[in-house]
Amino acid sequence: MSILSRFFGKQEAESDSNLILNDQIESPLSLQVLFSNSFAFNSSSFESKFRSYHPSLSEAKIELDEELKQQGSLIGLIGWGEHVIQIVGFDHAMPAEAVEQCIAPSHYRQDLKLQAKAHKSHIILYYKGYDDNPINQYASMALVAGFLSYFGAIVVTNESALTSFPTIALNRDNVDGDIVELIQSLPLLILFCGIVKYKVDGIDGVWLRTYGAQLLGLPDMASLARDHSISQSIFDIFSNVFGYLLNSGVKFSEGNTMQVGEDLFMKLRLPSREEYFLNGENELFVVEFITQSEINQC
């Protein structure tokens, strides 16, 4: 059975040599990888180099439709362990508006952002494996994105979270320690979720709002900062709160309070009618910073 047939869900269950997609995933998580030029690699060179990239990848497989690749498109599968990732490549740029939405809020060098906006081709990664932890799903795709920097990838975007990150920073040659462990421990708001600043007419200060948290089973959060100078503090607080929710399994409710620093406390509420600009289809709480005397007493 051809790679193209299996890519679209026609499985060959009797074969142990082919990668098998998880047909229980209807809306897979996805990352998009931008290339400075046309992507250039073949199955054998990619697979051998990928297998040597990390001990956990020693039996990784990659299957590409070589005929389509010669026509300027790319369809394939890459898998190892429980992970199977669909690869869809295009020898042209992503829509400029989508790229801008992901690049503008992110924090890395301006020259790299300009390179990303001028990219020539892109690959979309879809998770279709068997690990049901969304962090591990994103991490497996981020690992592939970092590896693709060897082949001209410059930036990986997350359209669902309105964020992006340099692929070179996800490559094992540019980090200390184990690359798999590092990616799995990334602050969530770096790539797996995003945070966007909004200046709203008539409102003093700047709003910060997260995106993509619902795909991790979390609520999005928003807060009004008095100025840009405390944006980093709110970024850190939101990252820590998300980490706490994931590790503890605690669910937020309106009116909840919690300590988020030595002398810092927060309270949750739903957006008001006047905060229509925070509306969306997914759960969102507004974070207000309060004094210790205002926290809920158990």
C-alpha atoms as a PDB file:
ATOM      1  CA  MET A   1       0.000   0.000   0.000  1.00  0.00           C
ATOM      2  CA  SER A   2       1.369   3.436  -0.940  1.00  0.00           C
ATOM      3  CA  ILE A   3       2.422   6.077   1.559  1.00  0.00           C
ATOM      4  CA  LEU A   4      -0.253   8.359   0.089  1.00  0.00           C
ATOM      5  CA  SER A   5      -3.016   5.844   0.797  1.00  0.00           C
ATOM      6  CA  ARG A   6      -1.877   5.256   4.360  1.00  0.00           C
ATOM      7  CA  PHE A   7      -1.427   8.994   4.906  1.00  0.00           C
ATOM      8  CA  PHE A   8      -5.159   9.378   4.400  1.00  0.00           C
ATOM      9  CA  GLY A   9      -5.992   6.607   6.835  1.00  0.00           C
ATOM     10  CA  LYS A  10      -6.007   3.410   4.769  1.00  0.00           C
ATOM     11  CA  GLN A  11      -4.061   1.138   7.079  1.00  0.00           C
ATOM     12  CA  GLU A  12      -2.131  -2.019   6.381  1.00  0.00           C
ATOM     13  CA  ALA A  13      -2.514  -3.717   9.740  1.00  0.00           C
ATOM     14  CA  GLU A  14      -0.736  -6.913   8.773  1.00  0.00           C
ATOM     15  CA  SER A  15       2.564  -5.124   8.111  1.00  0.00           C
ATOM     16  CA  ASP A  16       5.023  -4.375  10.912  1.00  0.00           C
ATOM     17  CA  SER A  17       7.283  -2.302   8.675  1.00  0.00           C
ATOM     18  CA  ASN A  18       4.893   0.585   8.026  1.00  0.00           C
ATOM     19  CA  LEU A  19       3.960   3.449  10.305  1.00  0.00           C
ATOM     20  CA  ILE A  20       0.328   3.221  11.390  1.00  0.00           C
ATOM     21  CA  LEU A  21      -1.709   6.357  12.066  1.00  0.00           C
ATOM     22  CA  ASN A  22      -3.923   6.676  15.122  1.00  0.00           C
ATOM     23  CA  ASP A  23      -7.355   6.995  13.545  1.00  0.00           C
ATOM     24  CA  GLN A  24      -8.870   8.005  16.907  1.00  0.00           C
ATOM     25  CA  ILE A  25      -7.345  11.485  16.576  1.00  0.00           C
ATOM     26  CA  GLU A  26      -9.780  13.601  14.581  1.00  0.00           C
ATOM     27  CA  SER A  27      -8.299  17.064  15.264  1.00  0.00           C
ATOM     28  CA  PRO A  28      -4.551  16.584  15.649  1.00  0.00           C
ATOM     29  CA  LEU A  29      -2.235  19.121  17.233  1.00  0.00           C
ATOM     30  CA  SER A  30      -0.041  20.834  14.664  1.00  0.00           C
ATOM     31  CA  LEU A  31       3.115  22.901  14.245  1.00  0.00           C
ATOM     32  CA  GLN A  32       4.317  24.647  11.088  1.00  0.00           C
ATOM     33  CA  VAL A  33       7.985  24.861  10.082  1.00  0.00           C
ATOM     34  CA  LEU A  34       9.259  27.705   7.875  1.00  0.00           C
ATOM     35  CA  PHE A  35      12.264  27.253   5.563  1.00  0.00           C
ATOM     36  CA  SER A  36      14.542  29.946   4.173  1.00  0.00           C
ATOM     37  CA  ASN A  37      14.603  28.137   0.813  1.00  0.00           C
ATOM     38  CA  SER A  38      12.976  25.062  -0.698  1.00  0.00           C
ATOM     39  CA  PHE A  39      13.216  22.090   1.661  1.00  0.00           C
ATOM     40  CA  ALA A  40      15.743  19.571   0.369  1.00  0.00           C
ATOM     41  CA  PHE A  41      16.106  16.070   1.814  1.00  0.00           C
ATOM     42  CA  ASN A  42      15.306  12.488   0.887  1.00  0.00           C
ATOM     43  CA  SER A  43      14.004   9.604   2.946  1.00  0.00           C
ATOM     44  CA  SER A  44      17.268   7.731   3.436  1.00  0.00           C
ATOM     45  CA  SER A  45      19.481  10.679   4.402  1.00  0.00           C
ATOM     46  CA  PHE A  46      16.824  12.111   6.703  1.00  0.00           C
ATOM     47  CA  GLU A  47      16.149   8.803   8.421  1.00  0.00           C
ATOM     48  CA  SER A  48      19.779   7.888   9.062  1.00  0.00           C
ATOM     49  CA  LYS A  49      20.628  11.319  10.440  1.00  0.00           C
ATOM     50  CA  PHE A  50      17.463  11.473  12.531  1.00  0.00           C
ATOM     51  CA  ARG A  51      18.183   8.084  14.080  1.00  0.00           C
ATOM     52  CA  SER A  52      21.572   9.310  15.243  1.00  0.00           C
ATOM     53  CA  TYR A  53      20.144  12.568  16.608  1.00  0.00           C
ATOM     54  CA  HIS A  54      19.092  11.095  19.980  1.00  0.00           C
ATOM     55  CA  PRO A  55      19.186   7.586  21.546  1.00  0.00           C
ATOM     56  CA  SER A  56      15.381   7.438  21.666  1.00  0.00           C
ATOM     57  CA  LEU A  57      15.291   7.767  17.860  1.00  0.00           C
ATOM     58  CA  SER A  58      17.505   4.780  17.024  1.00  0.00           C
ATOM     59  CA  GLU A  59      14.618   2.897  15.388  1.00  0.00           C
ATOM     60  CA  ALA A  60      12.811   5.904  13.892  1.00  0.00           C
ATOM     61  CA  LYS A  61      11.235   5.520  10.466  1.00  0.00           C
ATOM     62  CA  ILE A  62      10.431   8.043   7.787  1.00  0.00           C
ATOM     63  CA  GLU A  63       8.310   7.423   4.721  1.00  0.00           C
ATOM     64  CA  LEU A  64       8.028  10.067   1.999  1.00  0.00           C
ATOM     65  CA  ASP A  65       6.202  10.023  -1.318  1.00  0.00           C
ATOM     66  CA  GLU A  66       9.169  10.681  -3.578  1.00  0.00           C
ATOM     67  CA  GLU A  67       7.039  11.243  -6.692  1.00  0.00           C
ATOM     68  CA  LEU A  68       5.133  14.092  -5.076  1.00  0.00           C
ATOM     69  CA  LYS A  69       8.363  15.532  -3.704  1.00  0.00           C
ATOM     70  CA  GLN A  70       9.712  15.864  -7.243  1.00  0.00           C
ATOM     71  CA  GLN A  71       6.605  17.891  -8.075  1.00  0.00           C
ATOM     72  CA  GLY A  72       7.313  20.418  -5.318  1.00  0.00           C
ATOM     73  CA  SER A  73       5.062  18.898  -2.659  1.00  0.00           C
ATOM     74  CA  LEU A  74       5.864  16.701   0.307  1.00  0.00           C
ATOM     75  CA  ILE A  75       3.722  14.083   1.992  1.00  0.00           C
ATOM     76  CA  GLY A  76       5.043  11.573   4.457  1.00  0.00           C
ATOM     77  CA  LEU A  77       5.171  10.065   7.906  1.00  0.00           C
ATOM     78  CA  ILE A  78       7.845  10.013  10.574  1.00  0.00           C
ATOM     79  CA  GLY A  79       7.597   7.855  13.654  1.00  0.00           C
ATOM     80  CA  TRP A  80       9.392   6.397  16.661  1.00  0.00           C
ATOM     81  CA  GLY A  81       8.113   4.762  19.830  1.00  0.00           C
ATOM     82  CA  GLU A  82       4.514   5.865  20.365  1.00  0.00           C
ATOM     83  CA  HIS A  83       4.880   8.882  18.091  1.00  0.00           C
ATOM     84  CA  VAL A  84       3.681   9.151  14.498  1.00  0.00           C
ATOM     85  CA  ILE A  85       3.742  12.532  12.769  1.00  0.00           C
ATOM     86  CA  GLN A  86       2.225  13.414   9.415  1.00  0.00           C
ATOM     87  CA  ILE A  87       4.371  15.675   7.240  1.00  0.00           C
ATOM     88  CA  VAL A  88       2.803  17.949   4.613  1.00  0.00           C
ATOM     89  CA  GLY A  89       5.200  20.228   2.758  1.00  0.00           C
ATOM     90  CA  PHE A  90       4.635  23.046   0.287  1.00  0.00           C
ATOM     91  CA  ASP A  91       7.232  24.697  -1.917  1.00  0.00           C
ATOM     92  CA  HIS A  92       5.767  28.130  -1.252  1.00  0.00           C
ATOM     93  CA  ALA A  93       5.255  30.439   1.712  1.00  0.00           C
ATOM     94  CA  MET A  94       2.494  30.246   4.303  1.00  0.00           C
ATOM     95  CA  PRO A  95      -0.161  32.971   4.124  1.00  0.00           C
ATOM     96  CA  ALA A  96       1.480  36.202   5.263  1.00  0.00           C
ATOM     97  CA  GLU A  97      -1.290  37.085   7.721  1.00  0.00           C
ATOM     98  CA  ALA A  98      -0.976  33.758   9.556  1.00  0.00           C
ATOM     99  CA  VAL A  99       2.804  34.123   9.760  1.00  0.00           C
ATOM    100  CA  GLU A 100       2.557  37.686  11.059  1.00  0.00           C
ATOM    101  CA  GLN A 101       0.104  36.689  13.798  1.00  0.00           C
ATOM    102  CA  CYS A 102       2.539  34.057  15.057  1.00  0.00           C
ATOM    103  CA  ILE A 103       5.756  36.054  14.707  1.00  0.00           C
ATOM    104  CA  ALA A 104       4.716  39.498  15.961  1.00  0.00           C
ATOM    105  CA  PRO A 105       3.970  38.505  19.605  1.00  0.00           C
ATOM    106  CA  SER A 106       7.075  36.313  19.963  1.00  0.00           C
ATOM    107  CA  HIS A 107      10.329  37.390  21.566  1.00  0.00           C
ATOM    108  CA  TYR A 108      13.483  36.692  19.553  1.00  0.00           C
ATOM    109  CA  ARG A 109      15.818  38.566  17.237  1.00  0.00           C
ATOM    110  CA  GLN A 110      14.230  40.948  14.755  1.00  0.00           C
ATOM    111  CA  ASP A 111      16.512  39.829  11.925  1.00  0.00           C
ATOM    112  CA  LEU A 112      15.292  36.259  12.391  1.00  0.00           C
ATOM    113  CA  LYS A 113      11.701  37.456  12.305  1.00  0.00           C
ATOM    114  CA  LEU A 114      12.399  39.173   8.999  1.00  0.00           C
ATOM    115  CA  GLN A 115      13.919  35.958   7.625  1.00  0.00           C
ATOM    116  CA  ALA A 116      10.838  34.046   8.739  1.00  0.00           C
ATOM    117  CA  LYS A 117       8.523  36.496   7.001  1.00  0.00           C
ATOM    118  CA  ALA A 118      10.553  36.061   3.818  1.00  0.00           C
ATOM    119  CA  HIS A 119      10.531  32.235   3.967  1.00  0.00           C
ATOM    120  CA  LYS A 120      10.219  30.306   0.698  1.00  0.00           C
ATOM    121  CA  SER A 121       8.617  27.006   1.757  1.00  0.00           C
ATOM    122  CA  HIS A 122       6.992  25.380   4.747  1.00  0.00           C
ATOM    123  CA  ILE A 123       6.117  22.032   6.271  1.00  0.00           C
ATOM    124  CA  ILE A 124       3.093  21.316   8.461  1.00  0.00           C
ATOM    125  CA  LEU A 125       3.469  18.677  11.170  1.00  0.00           C
ATOM    126  CA  TYR A 126       0.367  16.885  12.486  1.00  0.00           C
ATOM    127  CA  TYR A 127       0.483  14.583  15.500  1.00  0.00           C
ATOM    128  CA  LYS A 128      -1.169  11.221  14.713  1.00  0.00           C
ATOM    129  CA  GLY A 129       0.557   8.953  17.206  1.00  0.00           C
ATOM    130  CA  TYR A 130      -0.441   7.150  20.389  1.00  0.00           C
ATOM    131  CA  ASP A 131       0.834   9.313  23.261  1.00  0.00           C
ATOM    132  CA  ASP A 132      -2.279  10.968  24.704  1.00  0.00           C
ATOM    133  CA  ASN A 133      -0.365  13.672  26.594  1.00  0.00           C
ATOM    134  CA  PRO A 134      -0.614  16.910  24.556  1.00  0.00           C
ATOM    135  CA  ILE A 135       2.699  18.187  25.964  1.00  0.00           C
ATOM    136  CA  ASN A 136       4.458  15.074  24.686  1.00  0.00           C
ATOM    137  CA  GLN A 137       2.674  15.426  21.359  1.00  0.00           C
ATOM    138  CA  TYR A 138       3.862  19.004  20.932  1.00  0.00           C
ATOM    139  CA  ALA A 139       7.334  18.083  22.196  1.00  0.00           C
ATOM    140  CA  SER A 140       7.715  15.319  19.605  1.00  0.00           C
ATOM    141  CA  MET A 141       6.849  17.746  16.798  1.00  0.00           C
ATOM    142  CA  ALA A 142       9.138  20.416  18.268  1.00  0.00           C
ATOM    143  CA  LEU A 143      11.947  17.837  18.275  1.00  0.00           C
ATOM    144  CA  VAL A 144      11.396  17.279  14.548  1.00  0.00           C
ATOM    145  CA  ALA A 145      11.261  21.046  13.959  1.00  0.00           C
ATOM    146  CA  GLY A 146      14.599  21.531  15.712  1.00  0.00           C
ATOM    147  CA  PHE A 147      16.136  18.727  13.701  1.00  0.00           C
ATOM    148  CA  LEU A 148      14.866  20.334  10.482  1.00  0.00           C
ATOM    149  CA  SER A 149      17.141  23.315  11.158  1.00  0.00           C
ATOM    150  CA  TYR A 150      19.862  21.122   9.602  1.00  0.00           C
ATOM    151  CA  PHE A 151      17.856  21.339   6.366  1.00  0.00           C
ATOM    152  CA  GLY A 152      17.137  25.070   6.306  1.00  0.00           C
ATOM    153  CA  ALA A 153      14.268  25.433   8.773  1.00  0.00           C
ATOM    154  CA  ILE A 154      14.418  28.799  10.532  1.00  0.00           C
ATOM    155  CA  VAL A 155      11.260  29.200  12.626  1.00  0.00           C
ATOM    156  CA  VAL A 156       8.490  26.929  13.910  1.00  0.00           C
ATOM    157  CA  THR A 157       5.045  28.454  14.400  1.00  0.00           C
ATOM    158  CA  ASN A 158       1.957  27.352  16.320  1.00  0.00           C
ATOM    159  CA  GLU A 159      -1.062  28.851  14.576  1.00  0.00           C
ATOM    160  CA  SER A 160      -3.435  27.656  17.297  1.00  0.00           C
ATOM    161  CA  ALA A 161      -1.449  29.545  19.942  1.00  0.00           C
ATOM    162  CA  LEU A 162      -0.357  32.599  17.908  1.00  0.00           C
ATOM    163  CA  THR A 163       3.312  32.067  18.735  1.00  0.00           C
ATOM    164  CA  SER A 164       6.610  31.005  17.170  1.00  0.00           C
ATOM    165  CA  PHE A 165      10.162  30.061  18.114  1.00  0.00           C
ATOM    166  CA  PRO A 166      13.531  29.727  16.314  1.00  0.00           C
ATOM    167  CA  THR A 167      14.213  26.151  15.240  1.00  0.00           C
ATOM    168  CA  ILE A 168      17.937  26.559  15.949  1.00  0.00           C
ATOM    169  CA  ALA A 169      17.097  26.987  19.650  1.00  0.00           C
ATOM    170  CA  LEU A 170      15.461  23.538  19.547  1.00  0.00           C
ATOM    171  CA  ASN A 171      18.483  21.833  17.974  1.00  0.00           C
ATOM    172  CA  ARG A 172      20.622  19.622  20.208  1.00  0.00           C
ATOM    173  CA  ASP A 173      23.824  21.337  19.024  1.00  0.00           C
ATOM    174  CA  ASN A 174      22.747  24.589  20.656  1.00  0.00           C
ATOM    175  CA  VAL A 175      21.561  23.426  24.066  1.00  0.00           C
ATOM    176  CA  ASP A 176      23.123  21.980  27.182  1.00  0.00           C
ATOM    177  CA  GLY A 177      21.785  18.663  28.386  1.00  0.00           C
ATOM    178  CA  ASP A 178      19.337  16.242  26.813  1.00  0.00           C
ATOM    179  CA  ILE A 179      17.395  17.830  23.941  1.00  0.00           C
ATOM    180  CA  VAL A 180      14.275  15.694  24.507  1.00  0.00           C
ATOM    181  CA  GLU A 181      14.114  16.605  28.198  1.00  0.00           C
ATOM    182  CA  LEU A 182      14.742  20.270  27.417  1.00  0.00           C
ATOM    183  CA  ILE A 183      11.891  20.478  24.897  1.00  0.00           C
ATOM    184  CA  GLN A 184       9.479  18.683  27.233  1.00  0.00           C
ATOM    185  CA  SER A 185      10.298  21.205  29.972  1.00  0.00           C
ATOM    186  CA  LEU A 186       9.957  24.348  27.848  1.00  0.00           C
ATOM    187  CA  PRO A 187       7.819  27.072  29.429  1.00  0.00           C
ATOM    188  CA  LEU A 188       4.401  26.446  27.917  1.00  0.00           C
ATOM    189  CA  LEU A 189       4.081  30.011  26.620  1.00  0.00           C
ATOM    190  CA  ILE A 190       7.195  29.628  24.470  1.00  0.00           C
ATOM    191  CA  LEU A 191       5.595  27.379  21.835  1.00  0.00           C
ATOM    192  CA  PHE A 192       2.850  25.095  23.164  1.00  0.00           C
ATOM    193  CA  CYS A 193       0.704  28.095  24.169  1.00  0.00           C
ATOM    194  CA  GLY A 194       1.083  31.749  23.280  1.00  0.00           C
ATOM    195  CA  ILE A 195       0.572  35.148  24.843  1.00  0.00           C
ATOM    196  CA  VAL A 196      -0.436  38.298  22.962  1.00  0.00           C
ATOM    197  CA  LYS A 197      -0.441  41.957  24.049  1.00  0.00           C
ATOM    198  CA  TYR A 198      -3.390  44.189  23.224  1.00  0.00           C
ATOM    199  CA  LYS A 199      -3.655  47.969  23.509  1.00  0.00           C
ATOM    200  CA  VAL A 200      -7.349  48.764  23.730  1.00  0.00           C
ATOM    201  CA  ASP A 201      -8.664  52.250  22.965  1.00  0.00           C
ATOM    202  CA  GLY A 202      -9.903  54.006  26.073  1.00  0.00           C
ATOM    203  CA  ILE A 203      -8.168  51.651  28.504  1.00  0.00           C
ATOM    204  CA  ASP A 204      -4.984  52.599  30.315  1.00  0.00           C
ATOM    205  CA  GLY A 205      -2.338  49.890  30.275  1.00  0.00           C
ATOM    206  CA  VAL A 206      -1.956  46.823  28.079  1.00  0.00           C
ATOM    207  CA  TRP A 207      -3.905  43.563  28.082  1.00  0.00           C
ATOM    208  CA  LEU A 208      -2.064  40.253  27.933  1.00  0.00           C
ATOM    209  CA  ARG A 209      -4.070  37.222  26.776  1.00  0.00           C
ATOM    210  CA  THR A 210      -3.045  33.610  26.258  1.00  0.00           C
ATOM    211  CA  TYR A 211      -4.031  31.441  23.300  1.00  0.00           C
ATOM    212  CA  GLY A 212      -4.015  27.691  22.720  1.00  0.00           C
ATOM    213  CA  ALA A 213      -4.326  26.593  26.346  1.00  0.00           C
ATOM    214  CA  GLN A 214      -7.556  24.702  25.640  1.00  0.00           C
ATOM    215  CA  LEU A 215      -5.601  22.245  23.498  1.00  0.00           C
ATOM    216  CA  LEU A 216      -3.687  21.299  26.643  1.00  0.00           C
ATOM    217  CA  GLY A 217      -6.874  20.954  28.699  1.00  0.00           C
ATOM    218  CA  LEU A 218      -6.326  24.342  30.365  1.00  0.00           C
ATOM    219  CA  PRO A 219      -8.273  27.618  30.474  1.00  0.00           C
ATOM    220  CA  ASP A 220      -6.809  30.667  28.792  1.00  0.00           C
ATOM    221  CA  MET A 221      -5.951  33.632  31.014  1.00  0.00           C
ATOM    222  CA  ALA A 222      -5.828  37.395  30.546  1.00  0.00           C
ATOM    223  CA  SER A 223      -4.683  40.290  32.698  1.00  0.00           C
ATOM    224  CA  LEU A 224      -4.483  44.071  32.400  1.00  0.00           C
ATOM    225  CA  ALA A 225      -0.955  45.368  33.053  1.00  0.00           C
ATOM    226  CA  ARG A 226      -0.386  49.007  33.912  1.00  0.00           C
ATOM    227  CA  ASP A 227       2.427  49.185  31.341  1.00  0.00           C
ATOM    228  CA  HIS A 228       4.737  47.035  29.216  1.00  0.00           C
ATOM    229  CA  SER A 229       7.367  46.912  31.972  1.00  0.00           C
ATOM    230  CA  ILE A 230       5.553  44.203  33.922  1.00  0.00           C
ATOM    231  CA  SER A 231       4.708  42.051  30.901  1.00  0.00           C
ATOM    232  CA  GLN A 232       7.572  39.654  31.675  1.00  0.00           C
ATOM    233  CA  SER A 233       6.305  39.201  35.225  1.00  0.00           C
ATOM    234  CA  ILE A 234       2.836  38.277  33.952  1.00  0.00           C
ATOM    235  CA  PHE A 235       4.405  35.918  31.382  1.00  0.00           C
ATOM    236  CA  ASP A 236       6.278  34.147  34.196  1.00  0.00           C
ATOM    237  CA  ILE A 237       3.210  33.987  36.438  1.00  0.00           C
ATOM    238  CA  PHE A 238       0.992  32.555  33.695  1.00  0.00           C
ATOM    239  CA  SER A 239       3.676  29.995  32.791  1.00  0.00           C
ATOM    240  CA  ASN A 240       3.980  28.889  36.411  1.00  0.00           C
ATOM    241  CA  VAL A 241       0.208  28.699  36.883  1.00  0.00           C
ATOM    242  CA  PHE A 242      -0.195  26.595  33.743  1.00  0.00           C
ATOM    243  CA  GLY A 243       2.546  24.278  34.970  1.00  0.00           C
ATOM    244  CA  TYR A 244       0.821  23.959  38.338  1.00  0.00           C
ATOM    245  CA  LEU A 245      -2.525  23.116  36.728  1.00  0.00           C
ATOM    246  CA  LEU A 246      -0.960  20.458  34.515  1.00  0.00           C
ATOM    247  CA  ASN A 247       0.984  18.821  37.335  1.00  0.00           C
ATOM    248  CA  SER A 248      -1.765  18.968  39.941  1.00  0.00           C
ATOM    249  CA  GLY A 249      -4.876  18.312  37.877  1.00  0.00           C
ATOM    250  CA  VAL A 250      -6.608  21.198  39.679  1.00  0.00           C
ATOM    251  CA  LYS A 251      -9.430  22.900  37.774  1.00  0.00           C
ATOM    252  CA  PHE A 252     -10.023  26.646  38.001  1.00  0.00           C
ATOM    253  CA  SER A 253     -13.383  28.179  38.865  1.00  0.00           C
ATOM    254  CA  GLU A 254     -14.566  31.776  38.953  1.00  0.00           C
ATOM    255  CA  GLY A 255     -13.613  33.404  42.248  1.00  0.00           C
ATOM    256  CA  ASN A 256     -10.636  31.148  42.957  1.00  0.00           C
ATOM    257  CA  THR A 257      -7.622  32.824  44.537  1.00  0.00           C
ATOM    258  CA  MET A 258      -4.040  31.647  44.840  1.00  0.00           C
ATOM    259  CA  GLN A 259      -0.596  32.797  45.869  1.00  0.00           C
ATOM    260  CA  VAL A 260       1.738  33.311  42.907  1.00  0.00           C
ATOM    261  CA  GLY A 261       4.727  34.944  44.595  1.00  0.00           C
ATOM    262  CA  GLU A 262       6.196  35.702  47.980  1.00  0.00           C
ATOM    263  CA  ASP A 263       3.852  38.652  48.459  1.00  0.00           C
ATOM    264  CA  LEU A 264       1.753  38.293  45.322  1.00  0.00           C
ATOM    265  CA  PHE A 265      -1.770  36.897  45.053  1.00  0.00           C
ATOM    266  CA  MET A 266      -4.319  36.623  42.277  1.00  0.00           C
ATOM    267  CA  LYS A 267      -8.055  36.170  41.839  1.00  0.00           C
ATOM    268  CA  LEU A 268      -9.981  34.772  38.881  1.00  0.00           C
ATOM    269  CA  ARG A 269     -13.115  36.169  37.315  1.00  0.00           C
ATOM    270  CA  LEU A 270     -14.939  35.850  34.012  1.00  0.00           C
ATOM    271  CA  PRO A 271     -14.614  38.678  31.464  1.00  0.00           C
ATOM    272  CA  SER A 272     -17.082  41.509  31.903  1.00  0.00           C
ATOM    273  CA  ARG A 273     -19.436  42.708  29.167  1.00  0.00           C
ATOM    274  CA  GLU A 274     -17.096  45.651  28.533  1.00  0.00           C
ATOM    275  CA  GLU A 275     -14.214  43.227  27.927  1.00  0.00           C
ATOM    276  CA  TYR A 276     -15.777  41.884  24.718  1.00  0.00           C
ATOM    277  CA  PHE A 277     -12.330  41.892  23.096  1.00  0.00           C
ATOM    278  CA  LEU A 278     -11.400  38.900  25.286  1.00  0.00           C
ATOM    279  CA  ASN A 279     -14.319  36.824  24.040  1.00  0.00           C
ATOM    280  CA  GLY A 280     -13.697  33.546  22.289  1.00  0.00           C
ATOM    281  CA  GLU A 281     -15.032  30.040  21.984  1.00  0.00           C
ATOM    282  CA  ASN A 282     -12.893  28.650  24.791  1.00  0.00           C
ATOM    283  CA  GLU A 283     -12.802  29.038  28.567  1.00  0.00           C
ATOM    284  CA  LEU A 284     -10.955  32.153  29.733  1.00  0.00           C
ATOM    285  CA  PHE A 285     -10.402  33.739  33.137  1.00  0.00           C
ATOM    286  CA  VAL A 286      -9.340  37.298  33.858  1.00  0.00           C
ATOM    287  CA  VAL A 287      -6.561  37.445  36.456  1.00  0.00           C
ATOM    288  CA  GLU A 288      -6.644  40.310  38.952  1.00  0.00           C
ATOM    289  CA  PHE A 289      -3.807  40.783  41.413  1.00  0.00           C
ATOM    290  CA  ILE A 290      -4.978  41.236  44.974  1.00  0.00           C
ATOM    291  CA  THR A 291      -3.625  41.628  48.514  1.00  0.00           C
ATOM    292  CA  GLN A 292      -3.181  38.755  50.946  1.00  0.00           C
ATOM    293  CA  SER A 293      -6.201  39.930  52.927  1.00  0.00           C
ATOM    294  CA  GLU A 294      -8.416  39.345  49.869  1.00  0.00           C
ATOM    295  CA  ILE A 295      -7.608  35.664  49.312  1.00  0.00           C
ATOM    296  CA  ASN A 296     -10.270  33.040  49.998  1.00  0.00           C
ATOM    297  CA  GLN A 297     -10.013  31.497  53.439  1.00  0.00           C
ATOM    298  CA  CYS A 298     -10.536  27.744  53.572  1.00  0.00           C
END
